[in-house]
Amino acid sequence: MRAGEPDGIVAAGRAAFASLRLEKGYRLWGVDMSAEDDPWEAGLGWVVKRDKGDFVGRAALEGRSDATARRRLLPLVMDDPTHVVLGKEPVFVAGRPAGYVTSAAMGHTSSRAVRTARPSRRGDAGWLLSQWLNGASSQATHSVPTAVAQNA
């Protein structure tokens, strides 16, 4: 690796790709979303173009929208950047269990702990979540990745 330093070559393994995908808001099939999720539950409702005519799966999406989503896949950052989770930890809304972390990593470009979580309900304050880390509650904030915000 030292021989490649002058050319900007860096180690970029699987953990780096996971971190960068989470920071960009990219979902991973089978981990963050599956065939059980509709586009709005997966946070991808913005890609559905109902005004484009007929398409495969259109009938299955009739009546589905952002307002009908039973749960939501959300990109999150921990308010305390020292809190790091591995994934599958529970998330809470208003102090009650509401879902779990699907993916987590340290965001190497943001220097923040980033994750996606799937809460099954909103709280009075919207999608304001907390997690239990080391026996204490830690606040998490819904964060819209740049790539998603530009396409919303």
C-alpha atoms as a PDB file:
ATOM      1  CA  MET A   1       0.000   0.000   0.000  1.00  0.00           C
ATOM      2  CA  ARG A   2       2.839   2.411   0.698  1.00  0.00           C
ATOM      3  CA  ALA A   3       3.968   2.086  -2.909  1.00  0.00           C
ATOM      4  CA  GLY A   4       0.528   3.335  -4.019  1.00  0.00           C
ATOM      5  CA  GLU A   5       0.322   6.312  -1.634  1.00  0.00           C
ATOM      6  CA  PRO A   6       1.754   8.840  -4.146  1.00  0.00           C
ATOM      7  CA  ASP A   7      -1.043   7.874  -6.523  1.00  0.00           C
ATOM      8  CA  GLY A   8      -3.784   8.190  -3.877  1.00  0.00           C
ATOM      9  CA  ILE A   9      -4.309   4.448  -3.540  1.00  0.00           C
ATOM     10  CA  VAL A  10      -5.958   3.559  -0.243  1.00  0.00           C
ATOM     11  CA  ALA A  11      -7.316   0.414   1.363  1.00  0.00           C
ATOM     12  CA  ALA A  12     -11.025   0.265   0.562  1.00  0.00           C
ATOM     13  CA  GLY A  13     -12.437  -3.028   1.692  1.00  0.00           C
ATOM     14  CA  ARG A  14     -15.878  -4.278   2.510  1.00  0.00           C
ATOM     15  CA  ALA A  15     -16.238  -2.101   5.612  1.00  0.00           C
ATOM     16  CA  ALA A  16     -15.449   1.023   3.586  1.00  0.00           C
ATOM     17  CA  PHE A  17     -18.091   0.123   1.006  1.00  0.00           C
ATOM     18  CA  ALA A  18     -20.666  -0.476   3.761  1.00  0.00           C
ATOM     19  CA  SER A  19     -19.865   2.866   5.356  1.00  0.00           C
ATOM     20  CA  LEU A  20     -20.061   4.772   2.081  1.00  0.00           C
ATOM     21  CA  ARG A  21     -23.321   3.091   1.064  1.00  0.00           C
ATOM     22  CA  LEU A  22     -24.941   4.054   4.371  1.00  0.00           C
ATOM     23  CA  GLU A  23     -23.722   7.640   4.112  1.00  0.00           C
ATOM     24  CA  LYS A  24     -25.190   7.866   0.605  1.00  0.00           C
ATOM     25  CA  GLY A  25     -28.472   6.268   1.664  1.00  0.00           C
ATOM     26  CA  TYR A  26     -28.120   3.186  -0.537  1.00  0.00           C
ATOM     27  CA  ARG A  27     -30.143   0.198   0.605  1.00  0.00           C
ATOM     28  CA  LEU A  28     -28.905  -3.387   0.607  1.00  0.00           C
ATOM     29  CA  TRP A  29     -31.356  -5.994  -0.693  1.00  0.00           C
ATOM     30  CA  GLY A  30     -32.030  -8.723   1.856  1.00  0.00           C
ATOM     31  CA  VAL A  31     -30.655  -6.653   4.734  1.00  0.00           C
ATOM     32  CA  ASP A  32     -32.369  -3.257   4.603  1.00  0.00           C
ATOM     33  CA  MET A  33     -35.272  -4.222   2.347  1.00  0.00           C
ATOM     34  CA  SER A  34     -36.934  -7.282   0.868  1.00  0.00           C
ATOM     35  CA  ALA A  35     -39.917  -8.347  -1.222  1.00  0.00           C
ATOM     36  CA  GLU A  36     -42.077  -7.684   1.868  1.00  0.00           C
ATOM     37  CA  ASP A  37     -41.468  -3.918   1.593  1.00  0.00           C
ATOM     38  CA  ASP A  38     -43.210  -1.582  -0.811  1.00  0.00           C
ATOM     39  CA  PRO A  39     -41.199   1.338  -2.265  1.00  0.00           C
ATOM     40  CA  TRP A  40     -42.460   3.794   0.376  1.00  0.00           C
ATOM     41  CA  GLU A  41     -41.550   1.474   3.252  1.00  0.00           C
ATOM     42  CA  ALA A  42     -38.072   1.081   1.745  1.00  0.00           C
ATOM     43  CA  GLY A  43     -37.694   4.870   1.465  1.00  0.00           C
ATOM     44  CA  LEU A  44     -37.758   4.668  -2.327  1.00  0.00           C
ATOM     45  CA  GLY A  45     -41.235   6.001  -3.078  1.00  0.00           C
ATOM     46  CA  TRP A  46     -39.691   8.901  -4.982  1.00  0.00           C
ATOM     47  CA  VAL A  47     -38.681   6.518  -7.796  1.00  0.00           C
ATOM     48  CA  VAL A  48     -42.287   5.420  -8.501  1.00  0.00           C
ATOM     49  CA  LYS A  49     -43.646   7.437 -11.437  1.00  0.00           C
ATOM     50  CA  ARG A  50     -47.364   6.711 -11.584  1.00  0.00           C
ATOM     51  CA  ASP A  51     -47.842   9.178 -14.453  1.00  0.00           C
ATOM     52  CA  LYS A  52     -45.576   7.166 -16.779  1.00  0.00           C
ATOM     53  CA  GLY A  53     -48.330   4.778 -17.890  1.00  0.00           C
ATOM     54  CA  ASP A  54     -48.612   1.056 -17.281  1.00  0.00           C
ATOM     55  CA  PHE A  55     -45.722  -0.930 -15.792  1.00  0.00           C
ATOM     56  CA  VAL A  56     -45.140  -4.339 -14.207  1.00  0.00           C
ATOM     57  CA  GLY A  57     -46.321  -4.236 -10.606  1.00  0.00           C
ATOM     58  CA  ARG A  58     -48.556  -1.173 -10.995  1.00  0.00           C
ATOM     59  CA  ALA A  59     -51.635  -3.013  -9.669  1.00  0.00           C
ATOM     60  CA  ALA A  60     -49.735  -4.092  -6.542  1.00  0.00           C
ATOM     61  CA  LEU A  61     -48.932  -0.443  -5.787  1.00  0.00           C
ATOM     62  CA  GLU A  62     -52.499   0.830  -6.129  1.00  0.00           C
ATOM     63  CA  GLY A  63     -53.542   2.431  -2.857  1.00  0.00           C
ATOM     64  CA  ARG A  64     -49.967   2.455  -1.548  1.00  0.00           C
ATOM     65  CA  SER A  65     -48.233   5.755  -0.777  1.00  0.00           C
ATOM     66  CA  ASP A  66     -46.073   7.517   1.751  1.00  0.00           C
ATOM     67  CA  ALA A  67     -49.168   7.991   3.926  1.00  0.00           C
ATOM     68  CA  THR A  68     -50.008   4.251   3.960  1.00  0.00           C
ATOM     69  CA  ALA A  69     -46.526   2.956   4.830  1.00  0.00           C
ATOM     70  CA  ARG A  70     -46.777   0.600   7.831  1.00  0.00           C
ATOM     71  CA  ARG A  71     -43.126   1.032   8.637  1.00  0.00           C
ATOM     72  CA  ARG A  72     -40.249   3.053   7.277  1.00  0.00           C
ATOM     73  CA  LEU A  73     -36.601   2.410   6.496  1.00  0.00           C
ATOM     74  CA  LEU A  74     -34.776   5.514   7.703  1.00  0.00           C
ATOM     75  CA  PRO A  75     -31.191   6.705   7.475  1.00  0.00           C
ATOM     76  CA  LEU A  76     -30.027   7.820  10.925  1.00  0.00           C
ATOM     77  CA  VAL A  77     -27.040   9.388  12.606  1.00  0.00           C
ATOM     78  CA  MET A  78     -26.445   9.154  16.319  1.00  0.00           C
ATOM     79  CA  ASP A  79     -26.490  12.537  18.022  1.00  0.00           C
ATOM     80  CA  ASP A  80     -23.417  11.454  20.017  1.00  0.00           C
ATOM     81  CA  PRO A  81     -20.722  10.606  17.429  1.00  0.00           C
ATOM     82  CA  THR A  82     -18.937   8.297  19.895  1.00  0.00           C
ATOM     83  CA  HIS A  83     -21.828   5.805  19.892  1.00  0.00           C
ATOM     84  CA  VAL A  84     -21.223   2.960  17.481  1.00  0.00           C
ATOM     85  CA  VAL A  85     -23.611   0.075  16.869  1.00  0.00           C
ATOM     86  CA  LEU A  86     -23.266  -3.074  14.787  1.00  0.00           C
ATOM     87  CA  GLY A  87     -26.842  -3.579  13.581  1.00  0.00           C
ATOM     88  CA  LYS A  88     -29.941  -5.424  14.824  1.00  0.00           C
ATOM     89  CA  GLU A  89     -30.172  -3.278  17.979  1.00  0.00           C
ATOM     90  CA  PRO A  90     -33.696  -2.196  18.959  1.00  0.00           C
ATOM     91  CA  VAL A  91     -34.909   1.350  18.312  1.00  0.00           C
ATOM     92  CA  PHE A  92     -37.516   3.150  20.389  1.00  0.00           C
ATOM     93  CA  VAL A  93     -40.153   5.787  19.699  1.00  0.00           C
ATOM     94  CA  ALA A  94     -41.331   7.701  22.780  1.00  0.00           C
ATOM     95  CA  GLY A  95     -39.522   5.161  24.978  1.00  0.00           C
ATOM     96  CA  ARG A  96     -41.331   2.124  23.518  1.00  0.00           C
ATOM     97  CA  PRO A  97     -39.785  -0.536  21.246  1.00  0.00           C
ATOM     98  CA  ALA A  98     -40.615   0.273  17.629  1.00  0.00           C
ATOM     99  CA  GLY A  99     -38.178  -1.571  15.376  1.00  0.00           C
ATOM    100  CA  TYR A 100     -34.531  -2.361  14.849  1.00  0.00           C
ATOM    101  CA  VAL A 101     -31.318  -1.240  13.191  1.00  0.00           C
ATOM    102  CA  THR A 102     -30.859  -3.009   9.848  1.00  0.00           C
ATOM    103  CA  SER A 103     -27.324  -1.798   9.003  1.00  0.00           C
ATOM    104  CA  ALA A 104     -24.711   0.251  10.840  1.00  0.00           C
ATOM    105  CA  ALA A 105     -21.187   1.560  10.337  1.00  0.00           C
ATOM    106  CA  MET A 106     -18.897   4.441  11.178  1.00  0.00           C
ATOM    107  CA  GLY A 107     -19.320   7.083   8.479  1.00  0.00           C
ATOM    108  CA  HIS A 108     -15.773   7.721   7.309  1.00  0.00           C
ATOM    109  CA  THR A 109     -16.599  10.874   5.343  1.00  0.00           C
ATOM    110  CA  SER A 110     -18.949  12.329   7.974  1.00  0.00           C
ATOM    111  CA  SER A 111     -17.104  11.079  11.093  1.00  0.00           C
ATOM    112  CA  ARG A 112     -20.500  10.072  12.508  1.00  0.00           C
ATOM    113  CA  ALA A 113     -22.034   6.722  13.372  1.00  0.00           C
ATOM    114  CA  VAL A 114     -24.544   6.064  10.572  1.00  0.00           C
ATOM    115  CA  ARG A 115     -27.220   3.404  10.267  1.00  0.00           C
ATOM    116  CA  THR A 116     -30.528   2.498   8.769  1.00  0.00           C
ATOM    117  CA  ALA A 117     -33.378   1.505  11.031  1.00  0.00           C
ATOM    118  CA  ARG A 118     -36.866   0.169  10.477  1.00  0.00           C
ATOM    119  CA  PRO A 119     -39.316   1.619  13.004  1.00  0.00           C
ATOM    120  CA  SER A 120     -42.886   0.351  12.725  1.00  0.00           C
ATOM    121  CA  ARG A 121     -44.560   3.527  13.924  1.00  0.00           C
ATOM    122  CA  ARG A 122     -44.134   7.266  14.263  1.00  0.00           C
ATOM    123  CA  GLY A 123     -44.021   9.046  17.566  1.00  0.00           C
ATOM    124  CA  ASP A 124     -45.588  12.363  18.479  1.00  0.00           C
ATOM    125  CA  ALA A 125     -42.398  14.062  17.271  1.00  0.00           C
ATOM    126  CA  GLY A 126     -42.369  12.153  13.963  1.00  0.00           C
ATOM    127  CA  TRP A 127     -39.503   9.778  13.289  1.00  0.00           C
ATOM    128  CA  LEU A 128     -37.467  10.782  16.370  1.00  0.00           C
ATOM    129  CA  LEU A 129     -35.770   7.632  17.618  1.00  0.00           C
ATOM    130  CA  SER A 130     -33.557   6.466  20.415  1.00  0.00           C
ATOM    131  CA  GLN A 131     -31.493   3.348  20.991  1.00  0.00           C
ATOM    132  CA  TRP A 132     -30.361   1.553  24.105  1.00  0.00           C
ATOM    133  CA  LEU A 133     -26.585   1.502  24.142  1.00  0.00           C
ATOM    134  CA  ASN A 134     -24.698   0.184  27.132  1.00  0.00           C
ATOM    135  CA  GLY A 135     -27.792   0.404  29.338  1.00  0.00           C
ATOM    136  CA  ALA A 136     -28.671   4.023  28.506  1.00  0.00           C
ATOM    137  CA  SER A 137     -30.898   5.713  25.944  1.00  0.00           C
ATOM    138  CA  SER A 138     -29.108   7.565  23.144  1.00  0.00           C
ATOM    139  CA  GLN A 139     -30.857   9.931  20.727  1.00  0.00           C
ATOM    140  CA  ALA A 140     -30.758   9.289  16.967  1.00  0.00           C
ATOM    141  CA  THR A 141     -31.755  11.820  14.318  1.00  0.00           C
ATOM    142  CA  HIS A 142     -33.354  11.080  10.960  1.00  0.00           C
ATOM    143  CA  SER A 143     -30.851  12.205   8.342  1.00  0.00           C
ATOM    144  CA  VAL A 144     -31.610  12.518   4.634  1.00  0.00           C
ATOM    145  CA  PRO A 145     -28.519  11.519   2.634  1.00  0.00           C
ATOM    146  CA  THR A 146     -27.488  13.942  -0.105  1.00  0.00           C
ATOM    147  CA  ALA A 147     -28.247  11.464  -2.905  1.00  0.00           C
ATOM    148  CA  VAL A 148     -31.799  10.921  -1.621  1.00  0.00           C
ATOM    149  CA  ALA A 149     -32.474  14.613  -0.930  1.00  0.00           C
ATOM    150  CA  GLN A 150     -31.522  15.564  -4.490  1.00  0.00           C
ATOM    151  CA  ASN A 151     -34.028  13.075  -5.944  1.00  0.00           C
ATOM    152  CA  ALA A 152     -36.926  13.632  -3.520  1.00  0.00           C
END
